[in-house]
Amino acid sequence: MSRIGKKPVSLPQGVTATVNGQTVTAKGPKGELKFVVNDEVLVKLEGTEIAVQPRDQTKTARAKWGMSRTQIVNILQGVK
């Protein structure tokens, strides 16, 4: 099980995020970035946190789970 993927992603101060289907959009002082999450991963915006979960327990879904969370953290830091 992914230890990285289990942690929800907190939105930094001054950054807003939206989740539309599989697309995560982050807007901040430095601009706007988008990331399209793989279909094997489910992403939800819950208040000021973004939760990422695998849709099933296949090896590839679990691998993409942690990678997707890390990419979301990177786009949030990029617009901060």
PDB file of N, CA and C in Angstrom:
ATOM      1  N   MET A   1       0.834  -1.178   0.000  1.00  0.00           N
ATOM      2  CA  MET A   1       0.000   0.000   0.000  1.00  0.00           C
ATOM      3  C   MET A   1       0.881   1.244   0.000  1.00  0.00           C
ATOM      4  N   SER A   2       0.469   2.237  -0.737  1.00  0.00           N
ATOM      5  CA  SER A   2       1.249   3.462  -0.863  1.00  0.00           C
ATOM      6  C   SER A   2       1.192   4.288   0.412  1.00  0.00           C
ATOM      7  N   ARG A   3       2.352   4.572   0.960  1.00  0.00           N
ATOM      8  CA  ARG A   3       2.386   5.450   2.128  1.00  0.00           C
ATOM      9  C   ARG A   3       2.283   6.902   1.697  1.00  0.00           C
ATOM     10  N   ILE A   4       2.775   7.197   0.505  1.00  0.00           N
ATOM     11  CA  ILE A   4       2.696   8.562  -0.014  1.00  0.00           C
ATOM     12  C   ILE A   4       1.256   8.888  -0.403  1.00  0.00           C
ATOM     13  N   GLY A   5       0.603   7.981  -1.086  1.00  0.00           N
ATOM     14  CA  GLY A   5      -0.747   8.226  -1.586  1.00  0.00           C
ATOM     15  C   GLY A   5      -1.792   8.379  -0.505  1.00  0.00           C
ATOM     16  N   LYS A   6      -1.562   7.780   0.657  1.00  0.00           N
ATOM     17  CA  LYS A   6      -2.550   7.843   1.736  1.00  0.00           C
ATOM     18  C   LYS A   6      -2.697   9.235   2.326  1.00  0.00           C
ATOM     19  N   LYS A   7      -1.656  10.049   2.247  1.00  0.00           N
ATOM     20  CA  LYS A   7      -1.681  11.378   2.853  1.00  0.00           C
ATOM     21  C   LYS A   7      -2.462  12.347   1.958  1.00  0.00           C
ATOM     22  N   PRO A   8      -3.447  13.051   2.504  1.00  0.00           N
ATOM     23  CA  PRO A   8      -4.130  14.057   1.683  1.00  0.00           C
ATOM     24  C   PRO A   8      -3.201  15.241   1.419  1.00  0.00           C
ATOM     25  N   VAL A   9      -3.440  15.936   0.330  1.00  0.00           N
ATOM     26  CA  VAL A   9      -2.630  17.088  -0.059  1.00  0.00           C
ATOM     27  C   VAL A   9      -3.329  18.353   0.434  1.00  0.00           C
ATOM     28  N   SER A  10      -2.659  19.130   1.270  1.00  0.00           N
ATOM     29  CA  SER A  10      -3.210  20.397   1.759  1.00  0.00           C
ATOM     30  C   SER A  10      -2.896  21.510   0.769  1.00  0.00           C
ATOM     31  N   LEU A  11      -3.862  22.392   0.578  1.00  0.00           N
ATOM     32  CA  LEU A  11      -3.650  23.524  -0.320  1.00  0.00           C
ATOM     33  C   LEU A  11      -2.832  24.593   0.394  1.00  0.00           C
ATOM     34  N   PRO A  12      -1.739  25.059  -0.216  1.00  0.00           N
ATOM     35  CA  PRO A  12      -0.964  26.151   0.386  1.00  0.00           C
ATOM     36  C   PRO A  12      -1.785  27.442   0.414  1.00  0.00           C
ATOM     37  N   GLN A  13      -1.420  28.340   1.300  1.00  0.00           N
ATOM     38  CA  GLN A  13      -2.109  29.620   1.400  1.00  0.00           C
ATOM     39  C   GLN A  13      -1.923  30.407   0.109  1.00  0.00           C
ATOM     40  N   GLY A  14      -3.010  30.964  -0.406  1.00  0.00           N
ATOM     41  CA  GLY A  14      -2.956  31.747  -1.631  1.00  0.00           C
ATOM     42  C   GLY A  14      -3.154  30.934  -2.895  1.00  0.00           C
ATOM     43  N   VAL A  15      -3.367  29.626  -2.751  1.00  0.00           N
ATOM     44  CA  VAL A  15      -3.553  28.743  -3.902  1.00  0.00           C
ATOM     45  C   VAL A  15      -4.962  28.162  -3.848  1.00  0.00           C
ATOM     46  N   THR A  16      -5.643  28.165  -4.990  1.00  0.00           N
ATOM     47  CA  THR A  16      -6.946  27.521  -5.088  1.00  0.00           C
ATOM     48  C   THR A  16      -6.835  26.361  -6.064  1.00  0.00           C
ATOM     49  N   ALA A  17      -7.633  25.341  -5.822  1.00  0.00           N
ATOM     50  CA  ALA A  17      -7.613  24.167  -6.693  1.00  0.00           C
ATOM     51  C   ALA A  17      -9.036  23.759  -7.022  1.00  0.00           C
ATOM     52  N   THR A  18      -9.205  23.211  -8.219  1.00  0.00           N
ATOM     53  CA  THR A  18     -10.483  22.648  -8.624  1.00  0.00           C
ATOM     54  C   THR A  18     -10.224  21.273  -9.212  1.00  0.00           C
ATOM     55  N   VAL A  19     -11.198  20.393  -9.028  1.00  0.00           N
ATOM     56  CA  VAL A  19     -11.130  19.056  -9.608  1.00  0.00           C
ATOM     57  C   VAL A  19     -12.348  18.913 -10.506  1.00  0.00           C
ATOM     58  N   ASN A  20     -12.100  18.696 -11.792  1.00  0.00           N
ATOM     59  CA  ASN A  20     -13.165  18.521 -12.765  1.00  0.00           C
ATOM     60  C   ASN A  20     -12.930  17.195 -13.471  1.00  0.00           C
ATOM     61  N   GLY A  21     -13.614  16.151 -13.022  1.00  0.00           N
ATOM     62  CA  GLY A  21     -13.381  14.820 -13.563  1.00  0.00           C
ATOM     63  C   GLY A  21     -12.009  14.333 -13.145  1.00  0.00           C
ATOM     64  N   GLN A  22     -11.128  14.125 -14.098  1.00  0.00           N
ATOM     65  CA  GLN A  22      -9.768  13.656 -13.815  1.00  0.00           C
ATOM     66  C   GLN A  22      -8.740  14.782 -13.920  1.00  0.00           C
ATOM     67  N   THR A  23      -9.200  16.017 -14.082  1.00  0.00           N
ATOM     68  CA  THR A  23      -8.289  17.151 -14.233  1.00  0.00           C
ATOM     69  C   THR A  23      -8.230  17.969 -12.948  1.00  0.00           C
ATOM     70  N   VAL A  24      -7.018  18.166 -12.447  1.00  0.00           N
ATOM     71  CA  VAL A  24      -6.786  19.008 -11.275  1.00  0.00           C
ATOM     72  C   VAL A  24      -6.170  20.309 -11.776  1.00  0.00           C
ATOM     73  N   THR A  25      -6.796  21.435 -11.422  1.00  0.00           N
ATOM     74  CA  THR A  25      -6.312  22.745 -11.820  1.00  0.00           C
ATOM     75  C   THR A  25      -5.922  23.523 -10.574  1.00  0.00           C
ATOM     76  N   ALA A  26      -4.728  24.087 -10.573  1.00  0.00           N
ATOM     77  CA  ALA A  26      -4.243  24.895  -9.452  1.00  0.00           C
ATOM     78  C   ALA A  26      -3.989  26.312  -9.947  1.00  0.00           C
ATOM     79  N   LYS A  27      -4.505  27.290  -9.192  1.00  0.00           N
ATOM     80  CA  LYS A  27      -4.304  28.703  -9.525  1.00  0.00           C
ATOM     81  C   LYS A  27      -3.671  29.389  -8.329  1.00  0.00           C
ATOM     82  N   GLY A  28      -2.670  30.202  -8.619  1.00  0.00           N
ATOM     83  CA  GLY A  28      -1.982  30.926  -7.558  1.00  0.00           C
ATOM     84  C   GLY A  28      -1.338  32.182  -8.096  1.00  0.00           C
ATOM     85  N   PRO A  29      -0.511  32.834  -7.274  1.00  0.00           N
ATOM     86  CA  PRO A  29       0.139  34.081  -7.687  1.00  0.00           C
ATOM     87  C   PRO A  29       1.045  33.932  -8.914  1.00  0.00           C
ATOM     88  N   LYS A  30       1.607  32.757  -9.125  1.00  0.00           N
ATOM     89  CA  LYS A  30       2.533  32.554 -10.251  1.00  0.00           C
ATOM     90  C   LYS A  30       1.852  32.036 -11.510  1.00  0.00           C
ATOM     91  N   GLY A  31       0.526  31.844 -11.473  1.00  0.00           N
ATOM     92  CA  GLY A  31      -0.168  31.387 -12.666  1.00  0.00           C
ATOM     93  C   GLY A  31      -1.086  30.218 -12.407  1.00  0.00           C
ATOM     94  N   GLU A  32      -1.301  29.432 -13.451  1.00  0.00           N
ATOM     95  CA  GLU A  32      -2.228  28.309 -13.402  1.00  0.00           C
ATOM     96  C   GLU A  32      -1.576  27.084 -14.030  1.00  0.00           C
ATOM     97  N   LEU A  33      -1.729  25.930 -13.375  1.00  0.00           N
ATOM     98  CA  LEU A  33      -1.231  24.665 -13.905  1.00  0.00           C
ATOM     99  C   LEU A  33      -2.333  23.620 -13.832  1.00  0.00           C
ATOM    100  N   LYS A  34      -2.321  22.693 -14.798  1.00  0.00           N
ATOM    101  CA  LYS A  34      -3.300  21.607 -14.824  1.00  0.00           C
ATOM    102  C   LYS A  34      -2.569  20.280 -14.886  1.00  0.00           C
ATOM    103  N   PHE A  35      -3.183  19.272 -14.281  1.00  0.00           N
ATOM    104  CA  PHE A  35      -2.653  17.911 -14.330  1.00  0.00           C
ATOM    105  C   PHE A  35      -3.821  16.963 -14.540  1.00  0.00           C
ATOM    106  N   VAL A  36      -3.725  16.101 -15.548  1.00  0.00           N
ATOM    107  CA  VAL A  36      -4.755  15.103 -15.811  1.00  0.00           C
ATOM    108  C   VAL A  36      -4.338  13.809 -15.128  1.00  0.00           C
ATOM    109  N   VAL A  37      -5.145  13.383 -14.166  1.00  0.00           N
ATOM    110  CA  VAL A  37      -4.867  12.190 -13.377  1.00  0.00           C
ATOM    111  C   VAL A  37      -5.266  10.958 -14.184  1.00  0.00           C
ATOM    112  N   ASN A  38      -4.469   9.910 -14.082  1.00  0.00           N
ATOM    113  CA  ASN A  38      -4.740   8.654 -14.770  1.00  0.00           C
ATOM    114  C   ASN A  38      -6.104   8.105 -14.357  1.00  0.00           C
ATOM    115  N   ASP A  39      -6.765   7.387 -15.271  1.00  0.00           N
ATOM    116  CA  ASP A  39      -8.097   6.836 -15.002  1.00  0.00           C
ATOM    117  C   ASP A  39      -8.112   5.787 -13.894  1.00  0.00           C
ATOM    118  N   GLU A  40      -6.962   5.218 -13.561  1.00  0.00           N
ATOM    119  CA  GLU A  40      -6.903   4.209 -12.507  1.00  0.00           C
ATOM    120  C   GLU A  40      -6.908   4.825 -11.113  1.00  0.00           C
ATOM    121  N   VAL A  41      -6.894   6.161 -11.053  1.00  0.00           N
ATOM    122  CA  VAL A  41      -6.812   6.874  -9.777  1.00  0.00           C
ATOM    123  C   VAL A  41      -8.019   7.796  -9.642  1.00  0.00           C
ATOM    124  N   LEU A  42      -8.600   7.831  -8.444  1.00  0.00           N
ATOM    125  CA  LEU A  42      -9.735   8.691  -8.130  1.00  0.00           C
ATOM    126  C   LEU A  42      -9.237   9.880  -7.325  1.00  0.00           C
ATOM    127  N   VAL A  43      -9.639  11.077  -7.710  1.00  0.00           N
ATOM    128  CA  VAL A  43      -9.194  12.289  -7.008  1.00  0.00           C
ATOM    129  C   VAL A  43     -10.422  13.087  -6.572  1.00  0.00           C
ATOM    130  N   LYS A  44     -10.392  13.582  -5.316  1.00  0.00           N
ATOM    131  CA  LYS A  44     -11.515  14.339  -4.755  1.00  0.00           C
ATOM    132  C   LYS A  44     -10.989  15.575  -4.042  1.00  0.00           C
ATOM    133  N   LEU A  45     -11.707  16.678  -4.171  1.00  0.00           N
ATOM    134  CA  LEU A  45     -11.405  17.895  -3.425  1.00  0.00           C
ATOM    135  C   LEU A  45     -12.329  17.920  -2.218  1.00  0.00           C
ATOM    136  N   GLU A  46     -11.733  17.896  -1.021  1.00  0.00           N
ATOM    137  CA  GLU A  46     -12.503  17.864   0.223  1.00  0.00           C
ATOM    138  C   GLU A  46     -12.103  19.070   1.071  1.00  0.00           C
ATOM    139  N   GLY A  47     -12.824  20.171   0.909  1.00  0.00           N
ATOM    140  CA  GLY A  47     -12.491  21.395   1.642  1.00  0.00           C
ATOM    141  C   GLY A  47     -11.198  21.996   1.135  1.00  0.00           C
ATOM    142  N   THR A  48     -10.176  22.023   1.993  1.00  0.00           N
ATOM    143  CA  THR A  48      -8.871  22.567   1.601  1.00  0.00           C
ATOM    144  C   THR A  48      -7.847  21.459   1.392  1.00  0.00           C
ATOM    145  N   GLU A  49      -8.325  20.242   1.149  1.00  0.00           N
ATOM    146  CA  GLU A  49      -7.430  19.107   0.908  1.00  0.00           C
ATOM    147  C   GLU A  49      -7.862  18.348  -0.338  1.00  0.00           C
ATOM    148  N   ILE A  50      -6.890  17.759  -1.000  1.00  0.00           N
ATOM    149  CA  ILE A  50      -7.156  16.913  -2.158  1.00  0.00           C
ATOM    150  C   ILE A  50      -6.807  15.486  -1.763  1.00  0.00           C
ATOM    151  N   ALA A  51      -7.791  14.590  -1.888  1.00  0.00           N
ATOM    152  CA  ALA A  51      -7.584  13.182  -1.550  1.00  0.00           C
ATOM    153  C   ALA A  51      -7.428  12.377  -2.841  1.00  0.00           C
ATOM    154  N   VAL A  52      -6.489  11.454  -2.834  1.00  0.00           N
ATOM    155  CA  VAL A  52      -6.209  10.611  -3.996  1.00  0.00           C
ATOM    156  C   VAL A  52      -6.337   9.157  -3.558  1.00  0.00           C
ATOM    157  N   GLN A  53      -7.051   8.344  -4.359  1.00  0.00           N
ATOM    158  CA  GLN A  53      -7.253   6.931  -4.041  1.00  0.00           C
ATOM    159  C   GLN A  53      -7.175   6.106  -5.317  1.00  0.00           C
ATOM    160  N   PRO A  54      -6.696   4.857  -5.211  1.00  0.00           N
ATOM    161  CA  PRO A  54      -6.730   3.987  -6.389  1.00  0.00           C
ATOM    162  C   PRO A  54      -8.150   3.473  -6.602  1.00  0.00           C
ATOM    163  N   ARG A  55      -8.544   3.276  -7.843  1.00  0.00           N
ATOM    164  CA  ARG A  55      -9.880   2.735  -8.126  1.00  0.00           C
ATOM    165  C   ARG A  55      -9.953   1.240  -7.835  1.00  0.00           C
ATOM    166  N   ASP A  56      -8.825   0.541  -7.984  1.00  0.00           N
ATOM    167  CA  ASP A  56      -8.759  -0.884  -7.645  1.00  0.00           C
ATOM    168  C   ASP A  56      -7.382  -1.170  -7.064  1.00  0.00           C
ATOM    169  N   GLN A  57      -7.126  -2.392  -6.696  1.00  0.00           N
ATOM    170  CA  GLN A  57      -5.872  -2.729  -6.013  1.00  0.00           C
ATOM    171  C   GLN A  57      -4.848  -3.402  -6.932  1.00  0.00           C
ATOM    172  N   THR A  58      -4.880  -3.086  -8.226  1.00  0.00           N
ATOM    173  CA  THR A  58      -3.873  -3.637  -9.125  1.00  0.00           C
ATOM    174  C   THR A  58      -2.535  -2.954  -8.862  1.00  0.00           C
ATOM    175  N   LYS A  59      -1.475  -3.608  -9.285  1.00  0.00           N
ATOM    176  CA  LYS A  59      -0.138  -3.065  -9.057  1.00  0.00           C
ATOM    177  C   LYS A  59       0.054  -1.719  -9.760  1.00  0.00           C
ATOM    178  N   THR A  60      -0.450  -1.600 -10.984  1.00  0.00           N
ATOM    179  CA  THR A  60      -0.285  -0.341 -11.717  1.00  0.00           C
ATOM    180  C   THR A  60      -1.107   0.786 -11.093  1.00  0.00           C
ATOM    181  N   ALA A  61      -2.299   0.475 -10.610  1.00  0.00           N
ATOM    182  CA  ALA A  61      -3.129   1.504  -9.971  1.00  0.00           C
ATOM    183  C   ALA A  61      -2.464   2.017  -8.702  1.00  0.00           C
ATOM    184  N   ARG A  62      -1.881   1.128  -7.925  1.00  0.00           N
ATOM    185  CA  ARG A  62      -1.205   1.538  -6.692  1.00  0.00           C
ATOM    186  C   ARG A  62       0.029   2.378  -7.003  1.00  0.00           C
ATOM    187  N   ALA A  63       0.743   2.034  -8.072  1.00  0.00           N
ATOM    188  CA  ALA A  63       1.929   2.806  -8.456  1.00  0.00           C
ATOM    189  C   ALA A  63       1.533   4.210  -8.921  1.00  0.00           C
ATOM    190  N   LYS A  64       0.470   4.301  -9.692  1.00  0.00           N
ATOM    191  CA  LYS A  64       0.024   5.599 -10.201  1.00  0.00           C
ATOM    192  C   LYS A  64      -0.627   6.445  -9.107  1.00  0.00           C
ATOM    193  N   TRP A  65      -1.077   5.809  -8.046  1.00  0.00           N
ATOM    194  CA  TRP A  65      -1.678   6.494  -6.907  1.00  0.00           C
ATOM    195  C   TRP A  65      -0.663   7.447  -6.263  1.00  0.00           C
ATOM    196  N   GLY A  66       0.485   6.921  -5.884  1.00  0.00           N
ATOM    197  CA  GLY A  66       1.521   7.743  -5.258  1.00  0.00           C
ATOM    198  C   GLY A  66       2.098   8.771  -6.211  1.00  0.00           C
ATOM    199  N   MET A  67       2.280   8.381  -7.473  1.00  0.00           N
ATOM    200  CA  MET A  67       2.820   9.297  -8.473  1.00  0.00           C
ATOM    201  C   MET A  67       1.861  10.459  -8.717  1.00  0.00           C
ATOM    202  N   SER A  68       0.573  10.176  -8.760  1.00  0.00           N
ATOM    203  CA  SER A  68      -0.419  11.230  -8.992  1.00  0.00           C
ATOM    204  C   SER A  68      -0.445  12.224  -7.842  1.00  0.00           C
ATOM    205  N   ARG A  69      -0.366  11.723  -6.615  1.00  0.00           N
ATOM    206  CA  ARG A  69      -0.342  12.609  -5.454  1.00  0.00           C
ATOM    207  C   ARG A  69       0.882  13.525  -5.510  1.00  0.00           C
ATOM    208  N   THR A  70       2.026  12.960  -5.853  1.00  0.00           N
ATOM    209  CA  THR A  70       3.257  13.743  -5.930  1.00  0.00           C
ATOM    210  C   THR A  70       3.167  14.810  -7.023  1.00  0.00           C
ATOM    211  N   GLN A  71       2.579  14.475  -8.160  1.00  0.00           N
ATOM    212  CA  GLN A  71       2.421  15.458  -9.237  1.00  0.00           C
ATOM    213  C   GLN A  71       1.491  16.594  -8.817  1.00  0.00           C
ATOM    214  N   ILE A  72       0.442  16.270  -8.051  1.00  0.00           N
ATOM    215  CA  ILE A  72      -0.472  17.304  -7.563  1.00  0.00           C
ATOM    216  C   ILE A  72       0.266  18.238  -6.607  1.00  0.00           C
ATOM    217  N   VAL A  73       1.077  17.679  -5.714  1.00  0.00           N
ATOM    218  CA  VAL A  73       1.886  18.504  -4.807  1.00  0.00           C
ATOM    219  C   VAL A  73       2.793  19.423  -5.620  1.00  0.00           C
ATOM    220  N   ASN A  74       3.397  18.899  -6.676  1.00  0.00           N
ATOM    221  CA  ASN A  74       4.311  19.689  -7.503  1.00  0.00           C
ATOM    222  C   ASN A  74       3.608  20.855  -8.200  1.00  0.00           C
ATOM    223  N   ILE A  75       2.395  20.633  -8.724  1.00  0.00           N
ATOM    224  CA  ILE A  75       1.713  21.749  -9.393  1.00  0.00           C
ATOM    225  C   ILE A  75       1.257  22.795  -8.375  1.00  0.00           C
ATOM    226  N   LEU A  76       0.892  22.356  -7.169  1.00  0.00           N
ATOM    227  CA  LEU A  76       0.506  23.317  -6.131  1.00  0.00           C
ATOM    228  C   LEU A  76       1.699  24.173  -5.716  1.00  0.00           C
ATOM    229  N   GLN A  77       2.870  23.555  -5.598  1.00  0.00           N
ATOM    230  CA  GLN A  77       4.075  24.311  -5.251  1.00  0.00           C
ATOM    231  C   GLN A  77       4.502  25.226  -6.401  1.00  0.00           C
ATOM    232  N   GLY A  78       4.246  24.805  -7.626  1.00  0.00           N
ATOM    233  CA  GLY A  78       4.647  25.594  -8.791  1.00  0.00           C
ATOM    234  C   GLY A  78       3.898  26.905  -8.941  1.00  0.00           C
ATOM    235  N   VAL A  79       2.654  26.954  -8.480  1.00  0.00           N
ATOM    236  CA  VAL A  79       1.868  28.186  -8.610  1.00  0.00           C
ATOM    237  C   VAL A  79       1.905  29.030  -7.344  1.00  0.00           C
ATOM    238  N   LYS A  80       2.509  28.514  -6.303  1.00  0.00           N
ATOM    239  CA  LYS A  80       2.556  29.201  -5.003  1.00  0.00           C
ATOM    240  C   LYS A  80       3.443  30.427  -5.040  1.00  0.00           C
TER     241      LYS A  80
END
